[in-house]
Amino acid sequence: MEKQDVILLEFESPRETTEKIINKESGYQRARDRQIALMRKGLTLGTDDKRLPIREELHARR
């Protein structure tokens, strides 16, 4: 048995460890789904539906 296995046995049961892994994964999935929904909806850029300038227009040398 490795040192980390011994530490795990002293503090947590395998069930507690499994529950932590599941909670971490489900939290990741909820966060991922929330961000995907936000990307699909889009954000208001405050341009009142006007076209944004392209890079060349912003950085044109005068």
N, C-alpha and C. Protein backbone atom coordinates (compact mmCIF):
# COMPACT_ATOMS: atom_id res chain seq x y z
N MET A 1 0.82 -1.17 0.00
CA MET A 1 0.00 0.00 0.00
C MET A 1 0.88 1.25 0.00
N GLU A 2 0.50 2.22 -0.83
CA GLU A 2 1.26 3.46 -0.88
C GLU A 2 0.82 4.40 0.22
N LYS A 3 1.63 5.41 0.47
CA LYS A 3 1.36 6.36 1.54
C LYS A 3 0.00 7.03 1.37
N GLN A 4 -0.33 7.46 0.13
CA GLN A 4 -1.59 8.15 -0.08
C GLN A 4 -2.77 7.21 0.17
N ASP A 5 -2.63 5.91 -0.10
CA ASP A 5 -3.68 4.96 0.19
C ASP A 5 -3.92 4.85 1.68
N VAL A 6 -2.87 4.87 2.46
CA VAL A 6 -2.98 4.79 3.91
C VAL A 6 -3.69 6.03 4.44
N ILE A 7 -3.32 7.19 3.93
CA ILE A 7 -3.95 8.43 4.35
C ILE A 7 -5.44 8.40 4.01
N LEU A 8 -5.77 7.91 2.83
CA LEU A 8 -7.16 7.82 2.42
C LEU A 8 -7.94 6.91 3.36
N LEU A 9 -7.36 5.78 3.73
CA LEU A 9 -8.03 4.85 4.62
C LEU A 9 -8.25 5.44 6.00
N GLU A 10 -7.37 6.30 6.45
CA GLU A 10 -7.49 6.88 7.77
C GLU A 10 -8.60 7.92 7.85
N PHE A 11 -8.85 8.64 6.79
CA PHE A 11 -9.76 9.77 6.85
C PHE A 11 -11.10 9.56 6.16
N GLU A 12 -11.17 8.77 5.12
CA GLU A 12 -12.40 8.64 4.36
C GLU A 12 -12.67 7.19 4.01
N SER A 13 -13.95 6.88 3.98
CA SER A 13 -14.33 5.56 3.50
C SER A 13 -14.39 5.61 1.98
N PRO A 14 -14.33 4.49 1.31
CA PRO A 14 -14.43 4.49 -0.16
C PRO A 14 -15.74 5.13 -0.64
N ARG A 15 -16.82 4.95 0.12
CA ARG A 15 -18.09 5.54 -0.26
C ARG A 15 -18.01 7.07 -0.26
N GLU A 16 -17.40 7.64 0.78
CA GLU A 16 -17.25 9.09 0.83
C GLU A 16 -16.40 9.59 -0.33
N THR A 17 -15.37 8.86 -0.65
CA THR A 17 -14.50 9.25 -1.76
C THR A 17 -15.28 9.18 -3.07
N THR A 18 -16.06 8.13 -3.27
CA THR A 18 -16.86 7.98 -4.49
C THR A 18 -17.88 9.11 -4.58
N GLU A 19 -18.51 9.45 -3.48
CA GLU A 19 -19.49 10.54 -3.48
C GLU A 19 -18.83 11.86 -3.86
N LYS A 20 -17.62 12.11 -3.36
CA LYS A 20 -16.91 13.34 -3.72
C LYS A 20 -16.62 13.39 -5.22
N ILE A 21 -16.21 12.27 -5.78
CA ILE A 21 -15.91 12.22 -7.22
C ILE A 21 -17.17 12.48 -8.02
N ILE A 22 -18.27 11.86 -7.63
CA ILE A 22 -19.54 12.05 -8.35
C ILE A 22 -20.00 13.49 -8.24
N ASN A 23 -19.93 14.07 -7.06
CA ASN A 23 -20.34 15.46 -6.88
C ASN A 23 -19.48 16.40 -7.69
N LYS A 24 -18.19 16.13 -7.75
CA LYS A 24 -17.27 16.97 -8.53
C LYS A 24 -17.62 16.89 -10.00
N GLU A 25 -17.88 15.67 -10.50
CA GLU A 25 -18.22 15.50 -11.91
C GLU A 25 -19.56 16.13 -12.24
N SER A 26 -20.56 15.97 -11.38
CA SER A 26 -21.86 16.55 -11.68
C SER A 26 -21.79 18.08 -11.61
N GLY A 27 -20.97 18.61 -10.72
CA GLY A 27 -20.77 20.06 -10.67
C GLY A 27 -20.11 20.56 -11.95
N TYR A 28 -19.15 19.80 -12.45
CA TYR A 28 -18.50 20.16 -13.71
C TYR A 28 -19.52 20.15 -14.84
N GLN A 29 -20.37 19.12 -14.88
CA GLN A 29 -21.37 19.02 -15.95
C GLN A 29 -22.37 20.16 -15.88
N ARG A 30 -22.80 20.53 -14.69
CA ARG A 30 -23.74 21.66 -14.55
C ARG A 30 -23.09 22.96 -15.03
N ALA A 31 -21.85 23.18 -14.66
CA ALA A 31 -21.14 24.39 -15.08
C ALA A 31 -20.96 24.40 -16.59
N ARG A 32 -20.60 23.27 -17.16
CA ARG A 32 -20.42 23.17 -18.61
C ARG A 32 -21.73 23.45 -19.33
N ASP A 33 -22.82 22.84 -18.88
CA ASP A 33 -24.13 23.04 -19.51
C ASP A 33 -24.57 24.50 -19.40
N ARG A 34 -24.31 25.12 -18.25
CA ARG A 34 -24.67 26.53 -18.06
C ARG A 34 -23.91 27.43 -19.03
N GLN A 35 -22.62 27.16 -19.21
CA GLN A 35 -21.81 27.98 -20.12
C GLN A 35 -22.19 27.75 -21.58
N ILE A 36 -22.52 26.52 -21.95
CA ILE A 36 -22.95 26.24 -23.33
C ILE A 36 -24.26 26.98 -23.62
N ALA A 37 -25.20 26.95 -22.66
CA ALA A 37 -26.46 27.67 -22.84
C ALA A 37 -26.22 29.16 -23.00
N LEU A 38 -25.30 29.71 -22.23
CA LEU A 38 -24.97 31.13 -22.33
C LEU A 38 -24.36 31.47 -23.68
N MET A 39 -23.50 30.59 -24.20
CA MET A 39 -22.90 30.84 -25.52
C MET A 39 -23.96 30.79 -26.62
N ARG A 40 -24.90 29.86 -26.50
CA ARG A 40 -25.96 29.76 -27.52
C ARG A 40 -26.86 30.99 -27.49
N LYS A 41 -27.15 31.49 -26.29
CA LYS A 41 -28.01 32.67 -26.15
C LYS A 41 -27.30 33.91 -26.67
N GLY A 42 -26.04 34.00 -26.38
CA GLY A 42 -25.26 35.17 -26.79
C GLY A 42 -25.32 36.27 -25.74
N LEU A 43 -24.45 37.22 -25.87
CA LEU A 43 -24.37 38.33 -24.93
C LEU A 43 -24.68 39.64 -25.64
N THR A 44 -25.26 40.56 -24.91
CA THR A 44 -25.50 41.90 -25.44
C THR A 44 -24.19 42.67 -25.38
N LEU A 45 -23.75 43.16 -26.52
CA LEU A 45 -22.48 43.87 -26.56
C LEU A 45 -22.65 45.38 -26.44
N GLY A 46 -23.89 45.83 -26.31
CA GLY A 46 -24.14 47.25 -26.15
C GLY A 46 -23.96 48.04 -27.43
N THR A 47 -24.13 47.41 -28.57
CA THR A 47 -23.95 48.09 -29.85
C THR A 47 -25.27 48.45 -30.52
N ASP A 48 -26.39 48.17 -29.88
CA ASP A 48 -27.73 48.41 -30.44
C ASP A 48 -27.85 47.82 -31.83
N ASP A 49 -27.34 46.60 -31.99
CA ASP A 49 -27.40 45.84 -33.25
C ASP A 49 -26.66 46.51 -34.40
N LYS A 50 -25.77 47.43 -34.10
CA LYS A 50 -24.93 48.02 -35.16
C LYS A 50 -23.74 47.12 -35.40
N ARG A 51 -23.19 47.19 -36.60
CA ARG A 51 -22.03 46.38 -36.95
C ARG A 51 -20.82 46.84 -36.16
N LEU A 52 -20.07 45.90 -35.65
CA LEU A 52 -18.83 46.23 -34.95
C LEU A 52 -17.73 46.48 -35.96
N PRO A 53 -16.81 47.38 -35.65
CA PRO A 53 -15.69 47.61 -36.57
C PRO A 53 -14.80 46.38 -36.67
N ILE A 54 -14.23 46.17 -37.84
CA ILE A 54 -13.30 45.06 -38.00
C ILE A 54 -11.93 45.49 -37.50
N ARG A 55 -11.06 44.55 -37.33
CA ARG A 55 -9.74 44.81 -36.75
C ARG A 55 -8.98 45.89 -37.53
N GLU A 56 -9.02 45.78 -38.85
CA GLU A 56 -8.29 46.75 -39.67
C GLU A 56 -8.80 48.17 -39.45
N GLU A 57 -10.11 48.32 -39.24
CA GLU A 57 -10.67 49.64 -38.99
C GLU A 57 -10.22 50.18 -37.63
N LEU A 58 -10.12 49.31 -36.66
CA LEU A 58 -9.71 49.75 -35.33
C LEU A 58 -8.24 50.13 -35.29
N HIS A 59 -7.43 49.45 -36.07
CA HIS A 59 -5.98 49.64 -35.99
C HIS A 59 -5.40 50.27 -37.27
N ALA A 60 -6.24 51.00 -37.99
CA ALA A 60 -5.77 51.62 -39.24
C ALA A 60 -4.74 52.70 -38.91
N ARG A 61 -3.68 52.68 -39.68
CA ARG A 61 -2.66 53.72 -39.51
C ARG A 61 -3.11 54.96 -40.25
N ARG A 62 -2.92 56.07 -39.61
CA ARG A 62 -3.36 57.33 -40.22
C ARG A 62 -2.18 58.19 -40.56
